[in-house]
């Protein structure tokens, strides 16, 4: 998919079509998840800090991600891929490998191209978005072809032409070559794929180690026999947060870790899994990172058990200098749960007064939630009792600005309200694609 998150936002918000859009974290330490092609003209790229993006493109729309909507669109796209072949290997919400041979597509360039073009048309018809297709005889070259085809294109790398196309490209074109590997190779005078192949396997192993060096040599010489794997079983579930300001208060660190543990368990349960090993990640103010893990007696999906394990792991970590990032993960996944009997007993004894993720008893937590002012983050959906559905354009100094428009409407009007206006409520995203049509009168 082309600039997926940003393209979804443009499709959902008529006033943003054809304009620079940046989706990602909006705080001082936020990172760009996706930038529209209009924003990329100014140099904005994924993984760039949002602060730098704002300096490069101050007039872009900076929006909070709406993952529920992206996931719903992704399910439609993956369903279309599944109609082409039973072997579909998702890499992310917006990208997947498809084995055409397994779908009965004849082994010819013309047949493959026809399927690719039909798929692009079907995706646009179903979602209103564009996709780029790369066709080749292996995963690596299909990935390279799809990148070369962007945006909204199709590229076929014919058998026998792979090395001719790949040779002049930067070494980072090869999957698995990140900044550190590229820098190691650059210091050795290797900057292109052809230079990587010419260096030879022995030299690459000397520079990068046996596994990485041998694997890189195989890819640089066009050898990629990795199969398309339809079921990619997750090995772990994790969540993490980067904080706008370093956390120095120990109690706050403990509460944030408990909150992350609960979020992690929600994801675990959503996947229908349990896990045996709990881990935490603590990144200090100076970017040094500490990880700790603990293996339980059996798999669990009990939030209390995961919270307690995370708290025990945190006991051995010094946080006095300031914490920049916290994370909680669960690995050793299983499809069943073998609860820790001691944890169950403790939970049963203290269930009536068990604190929530914020460290409050349930009644106290509910009251605090009611008193807490609502956050109106840019890009999120709202509904006003009088003006109907819209989205938050910005908020501050006690006011929230909303643009009232829908995917099928012309660009809408802007209105401003007090942040506590009782007529304004959060709302679910409106559908895209064929369903994004005004309701019948």
Protein backbone atom coordinates (compact mmCIF):
# COMPACT_ATOMS: atom_id res chain seq x y z
CA UNK A 1 0.00 0.00 0.00
CA UNK A 2 1.21 3.52 -0.81
CA UNK A 3 1.91 5.75 2.24
CA UNK A 4 -0.74 3.65 3.95
CA UNK A 5 -1.64 5.47 7.19
CA UNK A 6 -1.45 8.89 5.55
CA UNK A 7 -3.43 7.72 2.52
CA UNK A 8 -6.17 6.34 4.78
CA UNK A 9 -6.35 9.71 6.55
CA UNK A 10 -6.59 11.58 3.24
CA UNK A 11 -9.34 9.24 2.06
CA UNK A 12 -11.24 9.80 5.30
CA UNK A 13 -10.71 13.58 5.44
CA UNK A 14 -11.60 15.39 2.17
CA UNK A 15 -9.91 18.62 3.29
CA UNK A 16 -6.52 16.84 3.43
CA UNK A 17 -6.52 15.34 -0.06
CA UNK A 18 -3.55 16.55 -2.08
CA UNK A 19 -1.99 18.15 1.01
CA UNK A 20 0.95 17.11 3.21
CA UNK A 21 -0.11 14.73 5.98
CA UNK A 22 2.10 13.22 8.70
CA UNK A 23 0.87 10.41 10.97
CA UNK A 24 2.74 9.48 14.13
CA UNK A 25 3.55 10.49 17.68
CA UNK A 26 2.85 14.17 18.28
CA UNK A 27 4.72 14.74 21.54
CA UNK A 28 8.25 16.16 21.91
CA UNK A 29 9.68 12.67 21.39
CA UNK A 30 7.18 11.53 18.78
CA UNK A 31 8.29 9.69 15.64
CA UNK A 32 6.79 9.78 12.14
CA UNK A 33 4.96 6.55 11.27
CA UNK A 34 4.01 7.54 7.71
CA UNK A 35 4.20 10.70 5.62
CA UNK A 36 2.08 11.37 2.54
CA UNK A 37 3.88 11.86 -0.76
CA UNK A 38 3.06 15.57 -0.54
CA UNK A 39 5.00 15.71 2.77
CA UNK A 40 7.88 13.63 1.41
CA UNK A 41 8.61 16.38 -1.10
CA UNK A 42 9.79 18.44 1.90
CA UNK A 43 12.07 15.65 3.14
CA UNK A 44 9.75 14.13 5.75
CA UNK A 45 10.32 10.38 6.12
CA UNK A 46 9.15 7.48 8.30
CA UNK A 47 11.12 7.02 11.56
CA UNK A 48 12.12 10.71 11.56
CA UNK A 49 11.39 12.62 14.75
CA UNK A 50 8.16 14.56 14.57
CA UNK A 51 10.03 17.65 15.77
CA UNK A 52 12.33 17.49 12.73
CA UNK A 53 9.37 16.84 10.45
CA UNK A 54 7.65 19.97 11.78
CA UNK A 55 10.76 22.00 10.97
CA UNK A 56 10.87 20.63 7.42
CA UNK A 57 7.13 20.86 6.76
CA UNK A 58 5.44 23.15 9.30
CA UNK A 59 2.20 23.42 7.33
CA UNK A 60 1.46 19.67 7.18
CA UNK A 61 -1.44 18.14 9.06
CA UNK A 62 0.04 16.20 12.00
CA UNK A 63 -2.35 13.45 13.07
CA UNK A 64 -2.58 10.79 15.77
CA UNK A 65 -2.70 7.23 14.34
CA UNK A 66 -6.10 5.48 14.21
CA UNK A 67 -5.01 1.85 14.21
CA UNK A 68 -8.51 0.41 14.42
CA UNK A 69 -9.33 1.99 11.05
CA UNK A 70 -6.01 0.94 9.50
CA UNK A 71 -6.59 -2.63 10.67
CA UNK A 72 -10.08 -2.71 9.15
CA UNK A 73 -8.74 -1.55 5.78
CA UNK A 74 -5.86 -4.03 6.04
CA UNK A 75 -8.30 -6.90 6.52
CA UNK A 76 -10.01 -5.97 3.25
CA UNK A 77 -6.68 -5.84 1.39
CA UNK A 78 -5.43 -9.14 2.85
CA UNK A 79 -8.75 -10.72 1.90
CA UNK A 80 -8.20 -9.69 -1.72
CA UNK A 81 -4.69 -11.17 -1.62
CA UNK A 82 -6.16 -14.38 -0.27
CA UNK A 83 -8.40 -14.61 -3.33
CA UNK A 84 -5.28 -14.61 -5.52
CA UNK A 85 -3.42 -17.38 -3.64
CA UNK A 86 -3.70 -19.46 -0.47
CA UNK A 87 -0.10 -18.54 0.33
CA UNK A 88 -0.09 -14.97 1.65
CA UNK A 89 2.60 -13.88 4.13
CA UNK A 90 1.75 -10.52 5.76
CA UNK A 91 4.76 -8.40 6.72
CA UNK A 92 2.70 -5.61 8.28
CA UNK A 93 -0.75 -4.07 7.97
CA UNK A 94 0.07 -2.75 4.50
CA UNK A 95 2.45 -5.24 2.90
CA UNK A 96 2.56 -8.95 2.12
CA UNK A 97 4.23 -11.58 -0.06
CA UNK A 98 1.95 -13.66 -2.31
CA UNK A 99 2.96 -16.93 -3.96
CA UNK A 100 1.28 -16.76 -7.39
CA UNK A 101 2.24 -20.30 -8.36
CA UNK A 102 0.29 -21.65 -5.37
CA UNK A 103 -2.72 -19.73 -6.70
CA UNK A 104 -2.53 -21.46 -10.09
CA UNK A 105 -1.17 -18.46 -11.99
CA UNK A 106 0.74 -19.63 -15.10
CA UNK A 107 4.51 -19.11 -14.92
CA UNK A 108 4.67 -16.34 -17.49
CA UNK A 109 5.37 -12.63 -17.29
CA UNK A 110 2.09 -11.79 -19.02
CA UNK A 111 -0.04 -13.84 -16.62
CA UNK A 112 1.73 -12.44 -13.57
CA UNK A 113 1.37 -8.88 -14.81
CA UNK A 114 -2.34 -9.38 -15.49
CA UNK A 115 -2.91 -10.65 -11.95
CA UNK A 116 -0.95 -7.73 -10.50
CA UNK A 117 -2.92 -5.14 -12.46
CA UNK A 118 -6.23 -6.77 -11.54
CA UNK A 119 -5.22 -6.81 -7.89
CA UNK A 120 -4.39 -3.11 -7.94
CA UNK A 121 -7.77 -2.30 -9.50
CA UNK A 122 -9.59 -4.47 -6.95
CA UNK A 123 -7.80 -2.82 -4.01
CA UNK A 124 -8.68 0.66 -5.25
CA UNK A 125 -12.29 -0.34 -5.85
CA UNK A 126 -12.61 -1.87 -2.38
CA UNK A 127 -10.76 0.77 -0.34
CA UNK A 128 -10.35 3.90 -2.44
CA UNK A 129 -6.59 3.62 -1.91
CA UNK A 130 -3.70 2.81 -4.23
CA UNK A 131 -1.22 -0.05 -4.05
CA UNK A 132 2.05 -0.86 -5.78
CA UNK A 133 2.90 -4.37 -6.94
CA UNK A 134 6.33 -5.93 -7.42
CA UNK A 135 6.57 -9.15 -9.44
CA UNK A 136 9.67 -11.36 -9.39
CA UNK A 137 10.90 -14.90 -8.86
CA UNK A 138 11.89 -14.39 -5.21
CA UNK A 139 10.91 -12.43 -2.13
CA UNK A 140 13.86 -10.04 -2.25
CA UNK A 141 13.33 -9.03 -5.86
CA UNK A 142 9.56 -8.75 -5.45
CA UNK A 143 10.15 -6.38 -2.51
CA UNK A 144 12.65 -4.33 -4.51
CA UNK A 145 10.28 -4.19 -7.49
CA UNK A 146 7.38 -2.96 -5.33
CA UNK A 147 9.56 -0.16 -3.92
CA UNK A 148 10.64 0.84 -7.42
CA UNK A 149 6.98 0.83 -8.57
CA UNK A 150 5.81 3.34 -5.94
CA UNK A 151 3.56 5.16 -5.92
CA UNK A 152 0.60 3.48 -7.62
CA UNK A 153 2.56 1.34 -10.06
CA UNK A 154 3.64 -2.14 -11.05
CA UNK A 155 7.13 -3.43 -11.83
CA UNK A 156 8.13 -6.88 -13.06
CA UNK A 157 11.73 -8.08 -12.77
CA UNK A 158 12.06 -10.74 -15.46
CA UNK A 159 14.12 -13.87 -14.74
CA UNK A 160 17.72 -13.38 -15.85
CA UNK A 161 17.71 -9.59 -15.36
CA UNK A 162 17.90 -9.55 -11.54
CA UNK A 163 21.61 -8.86 -11.06
CA UNK A 164 21.69 -6.27 -13.83
CA UNK A 165 18.98 -4.31 -12.01
CA UNK A 166 20.26 -4.95 -8.49
CA UNK A 167 23.98 -4.32 -9.00
CA UNK A 168 24.07 -0.49 -9.08
CA UNK A 169 21.68 -0.11 -6.15
CA UNK A 170 22.87 0.95 -2.67
CA UNK A 171 23.71 -1.94 -0.37
CA UNK A 172 20.85 -0.93 1.95
CA UNK A 173 18.47 -2.10 -0.78
CA UNK A 174 19.15 -5.64 0.42
CA UNK A 175 16.74 -6.78 3.16
CA UNK A 176 18.41 -6.93 6.57
CA UNK A 177 21.04 -4.28 5.82
CA UNK A 178 20.49 -1.47 8.29
CA UNK A 179 22.52 1.64 9.13
CA UNK A 180 25.12 -0.22 11.24
CA UNK A 181 25.81 -2.89 8.62
CA UNK A 182 25.90 -0.29 5.85
CA UNK A 183 28.42 1.77 7.80
CA UNK A 184 30.65 -1.28 8.39
CA UNK A 185 30.60 -2.03 4.68
CA UNK A 186 31.20 1.62 3.76
CA UNK A 187 34.35 1.70 5.88
CA UNK A 188 35.53 -1.29 3.87
CA UNK A 189 34.81 0.55 0.60
CA UNK A 190 31.59 -1.34 -0.17
CA UNK A 191 28.58 0.84 -1.02
CA UNK A 192 26.65 -0.92 -3.81
CA UNK A 193 25.17 -4.38 -4.20
CA UNK A 194 27.60 -5.29 -6.97
CA UNK A 195 30.54 -4.28 -4.76
CA UNK A 196 29.08 -6.46 -2.02
CA UNK A 197 28.98 -9.47 -4.35
CA UNK A 198 32.50 -8.75 -5.63
CA UNK A 199 33.87 -8.61 -2.07
CA UNK A 200 33.21 -12.34 -1.75
CA UNK A 201 31.67 -14.42 0.99
CA UNK A 202 34.87 -14.79 3.01
CA UNK A 203 35.36 -11.01 3.28
CA UNK A 204 31.73 -10.42 4.26
CA UNK A 205 31.97 -13.11 6.92
CA UNK A 206 35.12 -11.45 8.25
CA UNK A 207 33.37 -8.08 8.41
CA UNK A 208 29.95 -9.15 9.66
CA UNK A 209 30.22 -12.61 11.15
CA UNK A 210 29.36 -15.99 9.73
CA UNK A 211 25.57 -15.94 9.65
CA UNK A 212 25.09 -12.32 8.58
CA UNK A 213 27.98 -12.32 6.14
CA UNK A 214 26.98 -15.55 4.41
CA UNK A 215 23.34 -14.48 4.21
CA UNK A 216 24.26 -11.10 2.76
CA UNK A 217 26.49 -12.68 0.13
CA UNK A 218 23.68 -14.99 -0.97
CA UNK A 219 21.24 -12.10 -1.38
CA UNK A 220 23.82 -9.85 -3.09
CA UNK A 221 24.40 -12.57 -5.69
CA UNK A 222 20.67 -13.01 -6.26
CA UNK A 223 20.13 -16.21 -4.27
CA UNK A 224 16.92 -16.02 -2.25
CA UNK A 225 15.02 -19.28 -1.82
CA UNK A 226 12.92 -18.21 1.17
CA UNK A 227 9.39 -19.61 0.76
CA UNK A 228 6.19 -17.66 1.26
CA UNK A 229 4.89 -18.78 4.67
CA UNK A 230 1.17 -18.30 5.13
CA UNK A 231 1.08 -18.66 8.92
CA UNK A 232 3.67 -16.60 10.76
CA UNK A 233 3.28 -17.49 14.41
CA UNK A 234 4.06 -14.60 16.72
CA UNK A 235 6.86 -15.36 19.18
CA UNK A 236 6.04 -12.56 21.62
CA UNK A 237 3.60 -9.77 22.43
CA UNK A 238 4.89 -6.45 23.75
CA UNK A 239 4.01 -2.80 24.27
CA UNK A 240 6.15 0.21 25.12
CA UNK A 241 5.81 3.96 25.63
CA UNK A 242 8.26 6.84 25.25
CA UNK A 243 7.51 9.69 27.65
CA UNK A 244 7.45 13.37 26.81
CA UNK A 245 9.49 14.06 29.97
CA UNK A 246 11.85 11.70 31.79
CA UNK A 247 10.17 9.93 34.72
CA UNK A 248 12.14 10.39 37.92
CA UNK A 249 9.44 9.57 40.49
CA UNK A 250 9.67 5.87 41.36
CA UNK A 251 5.94 5.56 42.05
CA UNK A 252 5.10 7.03 38.65
CA UNK A 253 7.44 4.54 36.99
CA UNK A 254 5.75 1.67 38.83
CA UNK A 255 2.27 2.87 37.83
CA UNK A 256 3.25 3.31 34.18
CA UNK A 257 4.75 -0.19 34.14
CA UNK A 258 1.53 -1.62 35.59
CA UNK A 259 -0.48 0.18 32.91
CA UNK A 260 1.77 -1.23 30.17
CA UNK A 261 1.44 -4.73 31.65
CA UNK A 262 -2.34 -4.46 31.36
CA UNK A 263 -2.10 -3.26 27.77
CA UNK A 264 0.24 -6.13 26.96
CA UNK A 265 -2.22 -8.66 28.38
CA UNK A 266 -5.05 -7.10 26.38
CA UNK A 267 -3.06 -7.76 23.20
CA UNK A 268 -2.19 -11.24 24.40
CA UNK A 269 -5.83 -12.09 25.03
CA UNK A 270 -6.86 -10.49 21.75
CA UNK A 271 -4.59 -12.98 19.98
CA UNK A 272 -6.08 -15.86 21.99
CA UNK A 273 -2.69 -16.67 23.53
CA UNK A 274 -0.97 -16.96 26.88
CA UNK A 275 2.71 -16.66 27.71
CA UNK A 276 5.26 -17.96 30.13
CA UNK A 277 8.07 -15.37 30.11
CA UNK A 278 7.54 -11.75 31.20
CA UNK A 279 10.12 -9.14 30.29
CA UNK A 280 10.54 -5.41 30.84
CA UNK A 281 12.55 -2.77 29.02
CA UNK A 282 13.81 0.40 30.73
CA UNK A 283 15.55 3.08 28.68
CA UNK A 284 17.31 5.73 30.76
CA UNK A 285 17.70 9.43 30.07
CA UNK A 286 21.06 8.80 28.38
CA UNK A 287 19.57 6.14 26.03
CA UNK A 288 21.19 3.23 27.85
CA UNK A 289 18.67 0.38 27.88
CA UNK A 290 18.19 -2.34 30.48
CA UNK A 291 16.09 -5.47 29.93
CA UNK A 292 15.03 -8.04 32.50
CA UNK A 293 12.96 -11.21 32.16
CA UNK A 294 11.38 -13.84 34.38
CA UNK A 295 9.96 -17.24 33.39
CA UNK A 296 6.79 -18.31 35.21
CA UNK A 297 5.81 -21.85 36.16
CA UNK A 298 3.29 -22.01 33.33
CA UNK A 299 1.67 -19.86 30.61
CA UNK A 300 -0.69 -17.14 31.80
CA UNK A 301 -2.94 -14.38 30.47
CA UNK A 302 -3.79 -13.04 33.93
CA UNK A 303 -3.05 -9.28 34.12
CA UNK A 304 -2.35 -9.51 37.86
CA UNK A 305 0.32 -12.17 37.30
CA UNK A 306 2.00 -10.15 34.54
CA UNK A 307 1.84 -6.94 36.61
CA UNK A 308 3.42 -8.67 39.59
CA UNK A 309 6.19 -10.19 37.49
CA UNK A 310 6.94 -6.84 35.86
CA UNK A 311 7.03 -5.16 39.28
CA UNK A 312 9.49 -7.76 40.59
CA UNK A 313 11.72 -7.21 37.58
CA UNK A 314 11.61 -3.44 38.09
CA UNK A 315 12.78 -3.86 41.70
CA UNK A 316 16.25 -4.68 40.38
CA UNK A 317 16.52 -1.62 38.10
CA UNK A 318 17.75 1.80 39.23
CA UNK A 319 15.48 4.54 37.83
CA UNK A 320 16.61 7.51 39.91
CA UNK A 321 18.40 9.26 37.02
CA UNK A 322 15.27 9.34 34.86
CA UNK A 323 13.38 6.96 32.60
CA UNK A 324 12.76 7.83 28.96
CA UNK A 325 10.98 4.64 27.82
CA UNK A 326 9.26 1.67 29.44
CA UNK A 327 8.13 -1.58 27.87
CA UNK A 328 6.50 -4.86 28.91
CA UNK A 329 6.52 -8.06 26.86
CA UNK A 330 5.32 -11.63 27.13
CA UNK A 331 6.98 -14.49 25.22
CA UNK A 332 7.00 -18.28 25.31
CA UNK A 333 3.49 -18.14 23.85
CA UNK A 334 0.98 -20.97 24.06
CA UNK A 335 -2.65 -21.56 23.11
CA UNK A 336 -3.63 -22.55 26.64
CA UNK A 337 -3.30 -21.16 30.15
CA UNK A 338 -1.83 -22.93 33.16
CA UNK A 339 -2.38 -20.40 35.88
CA UNK A 340 0.04 -19.91 38.72
CA UNK A 341 -1.95 -21.40 41.64
CA UNK A 342 -0.27 -19.16 44.17
CA UNK A 343 -1.13 -16.07 42.12
CA UNK A 344 -4.72 -17.30 41.81
CA UNK A 345 -5.00 -17.75 45.53
CA UNK A 346 -3.59 -14.32 46.23
CA UNK A 347 -5.91 -12.83 43.63
CA UNK A 348 -8.95 -14.49 45.15
CA UNK A 349 -8.04 -13.26 48.62
CA UNK A 350 -7.56 -9.68 47.55
CA UNK A 351 -9.95 -9.38 44.61
CA UNK A 352 -12.29 -6.98 46.38
CA UNK A 353 -9.56 -4.43 46.94
CA UNK A 354 -7.22 -5.16 44.03
CA UNK A 355 -5.88 -1.88 42.59
CA UNK A 356 -6.21 -1.10 38.91
CA UNK A 357 -3.37 -0.16 36.55
CA UNK A 358 -3.27 3.33 38.00
CA UNK A 359 -2.79 1.97 41.52
CA UNK A 360 -6.32 2.93 42.66
CA UNK A 361 -9.18 0.88 44.02
CA UNK A 362 -11.96 0.45 41.43
CA UNK A 363 -14.27 3.07 42.96
CA UNK A 364 -11.46 5.59 43.23
CA UNK A 365 -10.33 4.88 39.67
CA UNK A 366 -13.81 5.38 38.25
CA UNK A 367 -14.22 8.68 40.05
CA UNK A 368 -10.83 9.88 38.87
CA UNK A 369 -11.72 8.90 35.30
CA UNK A 370 -14.87 11.03 35.44
CA UNK A 371 -12.94 14.02 36.77
CA UNK A 372 -10.14 13.71 34.20
CA UNK A 373 -10.51 16.17 31.27
CA UNK A 374 -10.93 14.52 27.88
CA UNK A 375 -7.98 14.62 25.50
CA UNK A 376 -8.82 15.83 21.99
CA UNK A 377 -5.88 14.59 19.90
CA UNK A 378 -5.48 15.85 16.32
CA UNK A 379 -7.01 13.49 13.77
CA UNK A 380 -9.31 11.56 16.09
CA UNK A 381 -13.01 11.14 15.32
CA UNK A 382 -15.72 13.04 17.18
CA UNK A 383 -19.45 13.61 16.91
CA UNK A 384 -21.33 16.77 17.89
CA UNK A 385 -24.98 16.60 18.87
CA UNK A 386 -25.86 19.43 16.47
CA UNK A 387 -23.22 19.31 13.71
CA UNK A 388 -22.69 15.54 13.39
CA UNK A 389 -19.43 13.66 12.69
CA UNK A 390 -16.06 15.35 12.31
CA UNK A 391 -12.44 15.15 13.40
CA UNK A 392 -10.20 17.07 15.77
CA UNK A 393 -8.02 19.60 14.00
CA UNK A 394 -6.36 20.87 17.16
CA UNK A 395 -6.87 21.80 20.80
CA UNK A 396 -5.37 24.03 23.47
CA UNK A 397 -6.09 26.72 26.09
CA UNK A 398 -9.41 25.09 26.91
CA UNK A 399 -10.70 24.95 23.32
CA UNK A 400 -10.97 22.23 20.67
CA UNK A 401 -11.26 22.89 16.93
CA UNK A 402 -13.23 20.40 14.86
CA UNK A 403 -13.64 20.08 11.09
CA UNK A 404 -17.02 18.60 10.20
CA UNK A 405 -16.71 16.43 7.11
CA UNK A 406 -17.09 12.81 6.07
CA UNK A 407 -15.29 10.62 3.50
CA UNK A 408 -18.03 11.21 0.90
CA UNK A 409 -18.55 14.93 1.59
CA UNK A 410 -16.76 18.02 0.25
CA UNK A 411 -14.23 19.66 2.61
CA UNK A 412 -16.13 20.66 5.73
CA UNK A 413 -16.45 23.71 7.93
CA UNK A 414 -14.38 24.33 11.04
CA UNK A 415 -15.92 25.12 14.42
CA UNK A 416 -14.39 25.65 17.86
CA UNK A 417 -15.85 24.50 21.19
CA UNK A 418 -14.87 24.42 24.87
CA UNK A 419 -12.99 21.20 25.62
CA UNK A 420 -15.71 20.17 28.08
CA UNK A 421 -18.63 20.85 25.71
CA UNK A 422 -21.18 18.14 26.64
CA UNK A 423 -22.45 18.03 23.05
CA UNK A 424 -19.05 16.83 21.77
CA UNK A 425 -18.15 13.16 22.15
CA UNK A 426 -15.46 10.79 20.83
CA UNK A 427 -16.69 8.64 17.93
CA UNK A 428 -15.75 5.58 15.91
CA UNK A 429 -14.11 6.05 12.49
CA UNK A 430 -16.41 6.18 9.46
CA UNK A 431 -15.91 3.43 6.86
CA UNK A 432 -13.91 3.83 3.65
CA UNK A 433 -14.33 2.26 0.20
CA UNK A 434 -17.75 1.24 -1.14
CA UNK A 435 -19.22 1.58 2.36
CA UNK A 436 -18.09 5.22 2.51
CA UNK A 437 -21.29 6.56 1.06
CA UNK A 438 -23.87 8.86 2.61
CA UNK A 439 -26.71 6.97 4.26
CA UNK A 440 -29.97 6.82 2.38
CA UNK A 441 -32.36 9.63 3.19
